PDB file of N, CA and C in Angstrom:
ATOM      1  N   UNK A   1       0.837  -1.164   0.000  1.00  0.00           N
ATOM      2  CA  UNK A   1       0.000   0.000   0.000  1.00  0.00           C
ATOM      3  C   UNK A   1       0.895   1.245   0.000  1.00  0.00           C
ATOM      4  N   UNK A   2       0.539   2.202  -0.769  1.00  0.00           N
ATOM      5  CA  UNK A   2       1.334   3.419  -0.885  1.00  0.00           C
ATOM      6  C   UNK A   2       0.637   4.553  -0.130  1.00  0.00           C
ATOM      7  N   UNK A   3       1.407   5.261   0.660  1.00  0.00           N
ATOM      8  CA  UNK A   3       0.877   6.421   1.381  1.00  0.00           C
ATOM      9  C   UNK A   3       1.652   7.648   0.959  1.00  0.00           C
ATOM     10  N   UNK A   4       0.938   8.706   0.728  1.00  0.00           N
ATOM     11  CA  UNK A   4       1.626   9.944   0.361  1.00  0.00           C
ATOM     12  C   UNK A   4       2.140  10.628   1.620  1.00  0.00           C
ATOM     13  N   UNK A   5       3.217  11.329   1.497  1.00  0.00           N
ATOM     14  CA  UNK A   5       3.815  12.024   2.617  1.00  0.00           C
ATOM     15  C   UNK A   5       3.826  13.505   2.293  1.00  0.00           C
ATOM     16  N   UNK A   6       3.215  14.304   3.182  1.00  0.00           N
ATOM     17  CA  UNK A   6       3.197  15.748   2.994  1.00  0.00           C
ATOM     18  C   UNK A   6       4.054  16.360   4.089  1.00  0.00           C
ATOM     19  N   UNK A   7       5.045  17.102   3.684  1.00  0.00           N
ATOM     20  CA  UNK A   7       5.924  17.755   4.646  1.00  0.00           C
ATOM     21  C   UNK A   7       5.224  18.987   5.198  1.00  0.00           C
ATOM     22  N   UNK A   8       5.094  19.044   6.507  1.00  0.00           N
ATOM     23  CA  UNK A   8       4.459  20.203   7.129  1.00  0.00           C
ATOM     24  C   UNK A   8       5.545  21.156   7.608  1.00  0.00           C
ATOM     25  N   UNK A   9       5.331  22.403   7.319  1.00  0.00           N
ATOM     26  CA  UNK A   9       6.287  23.410   7.773  1.00  0.00           C
ATOM     27  C   UNK A   9       5.530  24.667   8.154  1.00  0.00           C
ATOM     28  N   UNK A  10       6.133  25.456   9.008  1.00  0.00           N
ATOM     29  CA  UNK A  10       5.501  26.693   9.434  1.00  0.00           C
ATOM     30  C   UNK A  10       5.568  27.708   8.307  1.00  0.00           C
ATOM     31  N   UNK A  11       4.516  28.489   8.213  1.00  0.00           N
ATOM     32  CA  UNK A  11       4.505  29.533   7.202  1.00  0.00           C
ATOM     33  C   UNK A  11       5.543  30.595   7.545  1.00  0.00           C
ATOM     34  N   UNK A  12       6.135  31.153   6.539  1.00  0.00           N
ATOM     35  CA  UNK A  12       7.205  32.125   6.700  1.00  0.00           C
ATOM     36  C   UNK A  12       6.783  33.327   7.554  1.00  0.00           C
ATOM     37  N   UNK A  13       5.541  33.741   7.436  1.00  0.00           N
ATOM     38  CA  UNK A  13       5.120  34.949   8.138  1.00  0.00           C
ATOM     39  C   UNK A  13       5.085  34.787   9.658  1.00  0.00           C
ATOM     40  N   UNK A  14       5.089  33.569  10.181  1.00  0.00           N
ATOM     41  CA  UNK A  14       5.052  33.354  11.621  1.00  0.00           C
ATOM     42  C   UNK A  14       6.425  33.065  12.224  1.00  0.00           C
ATOM     43  N   UNK A  15       7.411  32.917  11.420  1.00  0.00           N
ATOM     44  CA  UNK A  15       8.717  32.496  11.897  1.00  0.00           C
ATOM     45  C   UNK A  15       9.601  33.627  12.433  1.00  0.00           C
ATOM     46  N   UNK A  16       9.617  34.794  11.829  1.00  0.00           N
ATOM     47  CA  UNK A  16      10.615  35.796  12.260  1.00  0.00           C
ATOM     48  C   UNK A  16      10.540  36.096  13.756  1.00  0.00           C
ATOM     49  N   UNK A  17      11.700  36.121  14.392  1.00  0.00           N
ATOM     50  CA  UNK A  17      11.737  36.390  15.822  1.00  0.00           C
ATOM     51  C   UNK A  17      11.342  37.829  16.119  1.00  0.00           C
ATOM     52  N   UNK A  18      11.501  38.723  15.134  1.00  0.00           N
ATOM     53  CA  UNK A  18      11.117  40.117  15.348  1.00  0.00           C
ATOM     54  C   UNK A  18       9.612  40.247  15.566  1.00  0.00           C
ATOM     55  N   UNK A  19       8.861  39.275  15.074  1.00  0.00           N
ATOM     56  CA  UNK A  19       7.410  39.281  15.260  1.00  0.00           C
ATOM     57  C   UNK A  19       7.067  39.270  16.743  1.00  0.00           C
ATOM     58  N   UNK A  20       7.794  38.493  17.514  1.00  0.00           N
ATOM     59  CA  UNK A  20       7.517  38.359  18.936  1.00  0.00           C
ATOM     60  C   UNK A  20       8.009  39.565  19.727  1.00  0.00           C
ATOM     61  N   UNK A  21       9.101  40.164  19.332  1.00  0.00           N
ATOM     62  CA  UNK A  21       9.691  41.238  20.115  1.00  0.00           C
ATOM     63  C   UNK A  21       9.032  42.588  19.876  1.00  0.00           C
ATOM     64  N   UNK A  22       8.186  42.702  18.867  1.00  0.00           N
ATOM     65  CA  UNK A  22       7.552  43.986  18.584  1.00  0.00           C
ATOM     66  C   UNK A  22       6.279  44.220  19.379  1.00  0.00           C
ATOM     67  N   UNK A  23       5.833  43.229  20.111  1.00  0.00           N
ATOM     68  CA  UNK A  23       4.591  43.351  20.853  1.00  0.00           C
ATOM     69  C   UNK A  23       4.826  43.069  22.327  1.00  0.00           C
ATOM     70  N   UNK A  24       4.099  43.793  23.145  1.00  0.00           N
ATOM     71  CA  UNK A  24       4.114  43.467  24.567  1.00  0.00           C
ATOM     72  C   UNK A  24       2.672  43.383  25.030  1.00  0.00           C
ATOM     73  N   UNK A  25       2.431  42.557  25.978  1.00  0.00           N
ATOM     74  CA  UNK A  25       1.080  42.316  26.452  1.00  0.00           C
ATOM     75  C   UNK A  25       1.015  42.630  27.931  1.00  0.00           C
ATOM     76  N   UNK A  26       0.098  43.483  28.280  1.00  0.00           N
ATOM     77  CA  UNK A  26      -0.120  43.815  29.690  1.00  0.00           C
ATOM     78  C   UNK A  26      -1.520  43.371  30.058  1.00  0.00           C
ATOM     79  N   UNK A  27      -1.602  42.567  31.075  1.00  0.00           N
ATOM     80  CA  UNK A  27      -2.895  42.085  31.526  1.00  0.00           C
ATOM     81  C   UNK A  27      -3.108  42.559  32.960  1.00  0.00           C
ATOM     82  N   UNK A  28      -4.203  43.254  33.145  1.00  0.00           N
ATOM     83  CA  UNK A  28      -4.576  43.672  34.481  1.00  0.00           C
ATOM     84  C   UNK A  28      -5.763  42.813  34.875  1.00  0.00           C
ATOM     85  N   UNK A  29      -5.534  41.958  35.825  1.00  0.00           N
ATOM     86  CA  UNK A  29      -6.559  41.010  36.224  1.00  0.00           C
ATOM     87  C   UNK A  29      -6.827  41.178  37.712  1.00  0.00           C
ATOM     88  N   UNK A  30      -7.933  41.837  38.024  1.00  0.00           N
ATOM     89  CA  UNK A  30      -8.272  42.061  39.425  1.00  0.00           C
ATOM     90  C   UNK A  30      -9.220  41.007  39.963  1.00  0.00           C
ATOM     91  N   UNK A  31      -9.545  40.026  39.159  1.00  0.00           N
ATOM     92  CA  UNK A  31     -10.474  38.983  39.595  1.00  0.00           C
ATOM     93  C   UNK A  31      -9.781  38.052  40.577  1.00  0.00           C
ATOM     94  N   UNK A  32     -10.468  37.730  41.687  1.00  0.00           N
ATOM     95  CA  UNK A  32      -9.872  36.789  42.644  1.00  0.00           C
ATOM     96  C   UNK A  32      -9.781  35.388  42.041  1.00  0.00           C
ATOM     97  N   UNK A  33      -8.767  34.647  42.411  1.00  0.00           N
ATOM     98  CA  UNK A  33      -8.557  33.306  41.871  1.00  0.00           C
ATOM     99  C   UNK A  33      -8.914  32.201  42.867  1.00  0.00           C
ATOM    100  N   UNK A  34      -8.913  32.520  44.142  1.00  0.00           N
ATOM    101  CA  UNK A  34      -9.198  31.511  45.147  1.00  0.00           C
ATOM    102  C   UNK A  34     -10.298  32.008  46.093  1.00  0.00           C
ATOM    103  N   UNK A  35     -10.883  31.077  46.807  1.00  0.00           N
ATOM    104  CA  UNK A  35     -11.908  31.425  47.790  1.00  0.00           C
ATOM    105  C   UNK A  35     -11.331  32.340  48.863  1.00  0.00           C
ATOM    106  N   UNK A  36     -10.106  32.084  49.273  1.00  0.00           N
ATOM    107  CA  UNK A  36      -9.453  32.906  50.299  1.00  0.00           C
ATOM    108  C   UNK A  36      -9.336  34.356  49.818  1.00  0.00           C
ATOM    109  N   UNK A  37      -8.979  34.562  48.547  1.00  0.00           N
ATOM    110  CA  UNK A  37      -8.883  35.918  48.000  1.00  0.00           C
ATOM    111  C   UNK A  37     -10.246  36.602  48.009  1.00  0.00           C
ATOM    112  N   UNK A  38     -11.299  35.837  47.755  1.00  0.00           N
ATOM    113  CA  UNK A  38     -12.654  36.386  47.758  1.00  0.00           C
ATOM    114  C   UNK A  38     -13.023  36.840  49.156  1.00  0.00           C
ATOM    115  N   UNK A  39     -12.808  35.979  50.146  1.00  0.00           N
ATOM    116  CA  UNK A  39     -13.170  36.286  51.517  1.00  0.00           C
ATOM    117  C   UNK A  39     -12.384  37.482  52.038  1.00  0.00           C
ATOM    118  N   UNK A  40     -11.106  37.566  51.676  1.00  0.00           N
ATOM    119  CA  UNK A  40     -10.242  38.632  52.185  1.00  0.00           C
ATOM    120  C   UNK A  40     -10.365  39.941  51.409  1.00  0.00           C
ATOM    121  N   UNK A  41     -11.065  39.944  50.280  1.00  0.00           N
ATOM    122  CA  UNK A  41     -11.153  41.154  49.466  1.00  0.00           C
ATOM    123  C   UNK A  41     -12.084  42.181  50.109  1.00  0.00           C
ATOM    124  N   UNK A  42     -11.974  43.412  49.634  1.00  0.00           N
ATOM    125  CA  UNK A  42     -12.825  44.479  50.176  1.00  0.00           C
ATOM    126  C   UNK A  42     -14.293  44.245  49.826  1.00  0.00           C
ATOM    127  N   UNK A  43     -14.555  43.518  48.728  1.00  0.00           N
ATOM    128  CA  UNK A  43     -15.918  43.196  48.307  1.00  0.00           C
ATOM    129  C   UNK A  43     -16.329  41.788  48.738  1.00  0.00           C
ATOM    130  N   UNK A  44     -15.679  41.269  49.756  1.00  0.00           N
ATOM    131  CA  UNK A  44     -15.935  39.904  50.211  1.00  0.00           C
ATOM    132  C   UNK A  44     -17.395  39.631  50.527  1.00  0.00           C
ATOM    133  N   UNK A  45     -18.057  40.597  51.136  1.00  0.00           N
ATOM    134  CA  UNK A  45     -19.461  40.422  51.501  1.00  0.00           C
ATOM    135  C   UNK A  45     -20.325  40.287  50.241  1.00  0.00           C
ATOM    136  N   UNK A  46     -20.033  41.086  49.228  1.00  0.00           N
ATOM    137  CA  UNK A  46     -20.789  41.020  47.970  1.00  0.00           C
ATOM    138  C   UNK A  46     -20.545  39.698  47.247  1.00  0.00           C
ATOM    139  N   UNK A  47     -19.281  39.239  47.238  1.00  0.00           N
ATOM    140  CA  UNK A  47     -18.956  37.958  46.597  1.00  0.00           C
ATOM    141  C   UNK A  47     -19.704  36.824  47.287  1.00  0.00           C
ATOM    142  N   UNK A  48     -19.704  36.856  48.616  1.00  0.00           N
ATOM    143  CA  UNK A  48     -20.360  35.800  49.383  1.00  0.00           C
ATOM    144  C   UNK A  48     -21.866  35.794  49.098  1.00  0.00           C
ATOM    145  N   UNK A  49     -22.457  36.970  49.022  1.00  0.00           N
ATOM    146  CA  UNK A  49     -23.881  37.091  48.701  1.00  0.00           C
ATOM    147  C   UNK A  49     -24.175  36.525  47.309  1.00  0.00           C
ATOM    148  N   UNK A  50     -23.302  36.801  46.363  1.00  0.00           N
ATOM    149  CA  UNK A  50     -23.479  36.280  45.003  1.00  0.00           C
ATOM    150  C   UNK A  50     -23.366  34.760  44.978  1.00  0.00           C
ATOM    151  N   UNK A  51     -22.464  34.205  45.787  1.00  0.00           N
ATOM    152  CA  UNK A  51     -22.301  32.752  45.847  1.00  0.00           C
ATOM    153  C   UNK A  51     -23.543  32.090  46.446  1.00  0.00           C
ATOM    154  N   UNK A  52     -24.094  32.700  47.484  1.00  0.00           N
ATOM    155  CA  UNK A  52     -25.311  32.159  48.100  1.00  0.00           C
ATOM    156  C   UNK A  52     -26.461  32.217  47.103  1.00  0.00           C
ATOM    157  N   UNK A  53     -26.583  33.324  46.381  1.00  0.00           N
ATOM    158  CA  UNK A  53     -27.624  33.457  45.356  1.00  0.00           C
ATOM    159  C   UNK A  53     -27.484  32.379  44.282  1.00  0.00           C
ATOM    160  N   UNK A  54     -26.257  32.129  43.865  1.00  0.00           N
ATOM    161  CA  UNK A  54     -26.001  31.118  42.828  1.00  0.00           C
ATOM    162  C   UNK A  54     -26.387  29.728  43.316  1.00  0.00           C
ATOM    163  N   UNK A  55     -26.001  29.386  44.537  1.00  0.00           N
ATOM    164  CA  UNK A  55     -26.340  28.084  45.082  1.00  0.00           C
ATOM    165  C   UNK A  55     -27.853  27.935  45.264  1.00  0.00           C
ATOM    166  N   UNK A  56     -28.524  29.000  45.679  1.00  0.00           N
ATOM    167  CA  UNK A  56     -29.981  28.979  45.821  1.00  0.00           C
ATOM    168  C   UNK A  56     -30.645  28.737  44.472  1.00  0.00           C
ATOM    169  N   UNK A  57     -30.157  29.422  43.451  1.00  0.00           N
ATOM    170  CA  UNK A  57     -30.695  29.261  42.098  1.00  0.00           C
ATOM    171  C   UNK A  57     -30.499  27.828  41.599  1.00  0.00           C
ATOM    172  N   UNK A  58     -29.305  27.274  41.790  1.00  0.00           N
ATOM    173  CA  UNK A  58     -29.019  25.910  41.346  1.00  0.00           C
ATOM    174  C   UNK A  58     -29.885  24.894  42.085  1.00  0.00           C
ATOM    175  N   UNK A  59     -30.079  25.107  43.379  1.00  0.00           N
ATOM    176  CA  UNK A  59     -30.909  24.199  44.181  1.00  0.00           C
ATOM    177  C   UNK A  59     -32.380  24.310  43.770  1.00  0.00           C
ATOM    178  N   UNK A  60     -32.845  25.533  43.565  1.00  0.00           N
ATOM    179  CA  UNK A  60     -34.241  25.766  43.186  1.00  0.00           C
ATOM    180  C   UNK A  60     -34.580  25.094  41.853  1.00  0.00           C
ATOM    181  N   UNK A  61     -33.638  25.080  40.924  1.00  0.00           N
ATOM    182  CA  UNK A  61     -33.854  24.500  39.599  1.00  0.00           C
ATOM    183  C   UNK A  61     -33.482  23.021  39.518  1.00  0.00           C
ATOM    184  N   UNK A  62     -33.192  22.415  40.663  1.00  0.00           N
ATOM    185  CA  UNK A  62     -32.822  21.004  40.739  1.00  0.00           C
ATOM    186  C   UNK A  62     -31.786  20.677  39.653  1.00  0.00           C
ATOM    187  N   UNK A  63     -30.672  21.375  39.740  1.00  0.00           N
ATOM    188  CA  UNK A  63     -29.613  21.249  38.743  1.00  0.00           C
ATOM    189  C   UNK A  63     -28.915  19.897  38.813  1.00  0.00           C
ATOM    190  N   UNK A  64     -28.848  19.307  39.985  1.00  0.00           N
ATOM    191  CA  UNK A  64     -28.192  18.011  40.127  1.00  0.00           C
ATOM    192  C   UNK A  64     -28.880  17.186  41.203  1.00  0.00           C
ATOM    193  N   UNK A  65     -28.563  15.907  41.205  1.00  0.00           N
ATOM    194  CA  UNK A  65     -29.007  14.990  42.256  1.00  0.00           C
ATOM    195  C   UNK A  65     -27.774  14.340  42.858  1.00  0.00           C
ATOM    196  N   UNK A  66     -27.740  14.250  44.172  1.00  0.00           N
ATOM    197  CA  UNK A  66     -26.644  13.549  44.823  1.00  0.00           C
ATOM    198  C   UNK A  66     -26.959  12.063  44.820  1.00  0.00           C
ATOM    199  N   UNK A  67     -26.028  11.274  44.319  1.00  0.00           N
ATOM    200  CA  UNK A  67     -26.213   9.825  44.258  1.00  0.00           C
ATOM    201  C   UNK A  67     -24.955   9.136  44.766  1.00  0.00           C
ATOM    202  N   UNK A  68     -25.065   7.857  45.063  1.00  0.00           N
ATOM    203  CA  UNK A  68     -23.894   7.085  45.486  1.00  0.00           C
ATOM    204  C   UNK A  68     -22.975   6.886  44.283  1.00  0.00           C
ATOM    205  N   UNK A  69     -21.685   6.960  44.517  1.00  0.00           N
ATOM    206  CA  UNK A  69     -20.707   6.778  43.455  1.00  0.00           C
ATOM    207  C   UNK A  69     -20.569   5.295  43.126  1.00  0.00           C
ATOM    208  N   UNK A  70     -20.754   4.954  41.866  1.00  0.00           N
ATOM    209  CA  UNK A  70     -20.626   3.564  41.429  1.00  0.00           C
ATOM    210  C   UNK A  70     -19.161   3.166  41.360  1.00  0.00           C
ATOM    211  N   UNK A  71     -18.885   1.862  41.511  1.00  0.00           N
ATOM    212  CA  UNK A  71     -17.510   1.365  41.424  1.00  0.00           C
ATOM    213  C   UNK A  71     -16.910   1.691  40.066  1.00  0.00           C
ATOM    214  N   UNK A  72     -15.665   2.138  40.065  1.00  0.00           N
ATOM    215  CA  UNK A  72     -14.950   2.424  38.829  1.00  0.00           C
ATOM    216  C   UNK A  72     -15.293   3.764  38.208  1.00  0.00           C
ATOM    217  N   UNK A  73     -16.117   4.567  38.860  1.00  0.00           N
ATOM    218  CA  UNK A  73     -16.505   5.879  38.336  1.00  0.00           C
ATOM    219  C   UNK A  73     -15.760   6.979  39.074  1.00  0.00           C
ATOM    220  N   UNK A  74     -15.594   8.107  38.399  1.00  0.00           N
ATOM    221  CA  UNK A  74     -14.930   9.254  39.008  1.00  0.00           C
ATOM    222  C   UNK A  74     -15.967  10.321  39.335  1.00  0.00           C
ATOM    223  N   UNK A  75     -15.694  11.066  40.386  1.00  0.00           N
ATOM    224  CA  UNK A  75     -16.610  12.133  40.742  1.00  0.00           C
ATOM    225  C   UNK A  75     -16.405  13.323  39.805  1.00  0.00           C
ATOM    226  N   UNK A  76     -17.438  14.102  39.652  1.00  0.00           N
ATOM    227  CA  UNK A  76     -17.345  15.316  38.846  1.00  0.00           C
ATOM    228  C   UNK A  76     -16.908  16.436  39.778  1.00  0.00           C
ATOM    229  N   UNK A  77     -15.784  17.023  39.485  1.00  0.00           N
ATOM    230  CA  UNK A  77     -15.260  18.112  40.311  1.00  0.00           C
ATOM    231  C   UNK A  77     -15.995  19.401  39.990  1.00  0.00           C
ATOM    232  N   UNK A  78     -15.981  20.326  40.921  1.00  0.00           N
ATOM    233  CA  UNK A  78     -16.577  21.627  40.683  1.00  0.00           C
ATOM    234  C   UNK A  78     -15.577  22.694  41.086  1.00  0.00           C
ATOM    235  N   UNK A  79     -15.793  23.883  40.576  1.00  0.00           N
ATOM    236  CA  UNK A  79     -14.866  24.963  40.844  1.00  0.00           C
ATOM    237  C   UNK A  79     -15.609  26.280  40.715  1.00  0.00           C
ATOM    238  N   UNK A  80     -15.380  27.172  41.635  1.00  0.00           N
ATOM    239  CA  UNK A  80     -15.929  28.509  41.525  1.00  0.00           C
ATOM    240  C   UNK A  80     -15.015  29.328  40.620  1.00  0.00           C
ATOM    241  N   UNK A  81     -15.605  30.078  39.721  1.00  0.00           N
ATOM    242  CA  UNK A  81     -14.851  30.992  38.858  1.00  0.00           C
ATOM    243  C   UNK A  81     -15.365  32.388  39.171  1.00  0.00           C
ATOM    244  N   UNK A  82     -14.483  33.243  39.625  1.00  0.00           N
ATOM    245  CA  UNK A  82     -14.861  34.590  40.028  1.00  0.00           C
ATOM    246  C   UNK A  82     -14.466  35.588  38.943  1.00  0.00           C
ATOM    247  N   UNK A  83     -15.439  36.369  38.469  1.00  0.00           N
ATOM    248  CA  UNK A  83     -15.174  37.375  37.444  1.00  0.00           C
ATOM    249  C   UNK A  83     -15.885  38.664  37.819  1.00  0.00           C
ATOM    250  N   UNK A  84     -15.188  39.774  37.703  1.00  0.00           N
ATOM    251  CA  UNK A  84     -15.811  41.077  37.884  1.00  0.00           C
ATOM    252  C   UNK A  84     -16.483  41.478  36.591  1.00  0.00           C
ATOM    253  N   UNK A  85     -17.724  41.947  36.674  1.00  0.00           N
ATOM    254  CA  UNK A  85     -18.416  42.450  35.492  1.00  0.00           C
ATOM    255  C   UNK A  85     -18.105  43.924  35.356  1.00  0.00           C
ATOM    256  N   UNK A  86     -17.570  44.288  34.204  1.00  0.00           N
ATOM    257  CA  UNK A  86     -17.251  45.692  33.945  1.00  0.00           C
ATOM    258  C   UNK A  86     -18.400  46.346  33.203  1.00  0.00           C
ATOM    259  N   UNK A  87     -18.721  47.554  33.562  1.00  0.00           N
ATOM    260  CA  UNK A  87     -19.776  48.335  32.903  1.00  0.00           C
ATOM    261  C   UNK A  87     -21.112  47.593  32.900  1.00  0.00           C
ATOM    262  N   UNK A  88     -21.416  46.896  33.982  1.00  0.00           N
ATOM    263  CA  UNK A  88     -22.674  46.153  34.049  1.00  0.00           C
ATOM    264  C   UNK A  88     -23.833  47.077  34.357  1.00  0.00           C
TER     265      UNK A  88
END
Protein backbone atom coordinates (compact mmCIF):
# COMPACT_ATOMS: atom_id res chain seq x y z
CA UNK A 1 0.00 0.00 0.00
CA UNK A 2 1.33 3.42 -0.88
CA UNK A 3 0.88 6.42 1.38
CA UNK A 4 1.63 9.94 0.36
CA UNK A 5 3.81 12.02 2.62
CA UNK A 6 3.20 15.75 2.99
CA UNK A 7 5.92 17.76 4.65
CA UNK A 8 4.46 20.20 7.13
CA UNK A 9 6.29 23.41 7.77
CA UNK A 10 5.50 26.69 9.43
CA UNK A 11 4.50 29.53 7.20
CA UNK A 12 7.20 32.12 6.70
CA UNK A 13 5.12 34.95 8.14
CA UNK A 14 5.05 33.35 11.62
CA UNK A 15 8.72 32.50 11.90
CA UNK A 16 10.61 35.80 12.26
CA UNK A 17 11.74 36.39 15.82
CA UNK A 18 11.12 40.12 15.35
CA UNK A 19 7.41 39.28 15.26
CA UNK A 20 7.52 38.36 18.94
CA UNK A 21 9.69 41.24 20.12
CA UNK A 22 7.55 43.99 18.58
CA UNK A 23 4.59 43.35 20.85
CA UNK A 24 4.11 43.47 24.57
CA UNK A 25 1.08 42.32 26.45
CA UNK A 26 -0.12 43.82 29.69
CA UNK A 27 -2.90 42.08 31.53
CA UNK A 28 -4.58 43.67 34.48
CA UNK A 29 -6.56 41.01 36.22
CA UNK A 30 -8.27 42.06 39.42
CA UNK A 31 -10.47 38.98 39.60
CA UNK A 32 -9.87 36.79 42.64
CA UNK A 33 -8.56 33.31 41.87
CA UNK A 34 -9.20 31.51 45.15
CA UNK A 35 -11.91 31.42 47.79
CA UNK A 36 -9.45 32.91 50.30
CA UNK A 37 -8.88 35.92 48.00
CA UNK A 38 -12.65 36.39 47.76
CA UNK A 39 -13.17 36.29 51.52
CA UNK A 40 -10.24 38.63 52.18
CA UNK A 41 -11.15 41.15 49.47
CA UNK A 42 -12.82 44.48 50.18
CA UNK A 43 -15.92 43.20 48.31
CA UNK A 44 -15.93 39.90 50.21
CA UNK A 45 -19.46 40.42 51.50
CA UNK A 46 -20.79 41.02 47.97
CA UNK A 47 -18.96 37.96 46.60
CA UNK A 48 -20.36 35.80 49.38
CA UNK A 49 -23.88 37.09 48.70
CA UNK A 50 -23.48 36.28 45.00
CA UNK A 51 -22.30 32.75 45.85
CA UNK A 52 -25.31 32.16 48.10
CA UNK A 53 -27.62 33.46 45.36
CA UNK A 54 -26.00 31.12 42.83
CA UNK A 55 -26.34 28.08 45.08
CA UNK A 56 -29.98 28.98 45.82
CA UNK A 57 -30.70 29.26 42.10
CA UNK A 58 -29.02 25.91 41.35
CA UNK A 59 -30.91 24.20 44.18
CA UNK A 60 -34.24 25.77 43.19
CA UNK A 61 -33.85 24.50 39.60
CA UNK A 62 -32.82 21.00 40.74
CA UNK A 63 -29.61 21.25 38.74
CA UNK A 64 -28.19 18.01 40.13
CA UNK A 65 -29.01 14.99 42.26
CA UNK A 66 -26.64 13.55 44.82
CA UNK A 67 -26.21 9.83 44.26
CA UNK A 68 -23.89 7.09 45.49
CA UNK A 69 -20.71 6.78 43.45
CA UNK A 70 -20.63 3.56 41.43
CA UNK A 71 -17.51 1.36 41.42
CA UNK A 72 -14.95 2.42 38.83
CA UNK A 73 -16.50 5.88 38.34
CA UNK A 74 -14.93 9.25 39.01
CA UNK A 75 -16.61 12.13 40.74
CA UNK A 76 -17.35 15.32 38.85
CA UNK A 77 -15.26 18.11 40.31
CA UNK A 78 -16.58 21.63 40.68
CA UNK A 79 -14.87 24.96 40.84
CA UNK A 80 -15.93 28.51 41.52
CA UNK A 81 -14.85 30.99 38.86
CA UNK A 82 -14.86 34.59 40.03
CA UNK A 83 -15.17 37.37 37.44
CA UNK A 84 -15.81 41.08 37.88
CA UNK A 85 -18.42 42.45 35.49
CA UNK A 86 -17.25 45.69 33.95
CA UNK A 87 -19.78 48.33 32.90
CA UNK A 88 -22.67 46.15 34.05
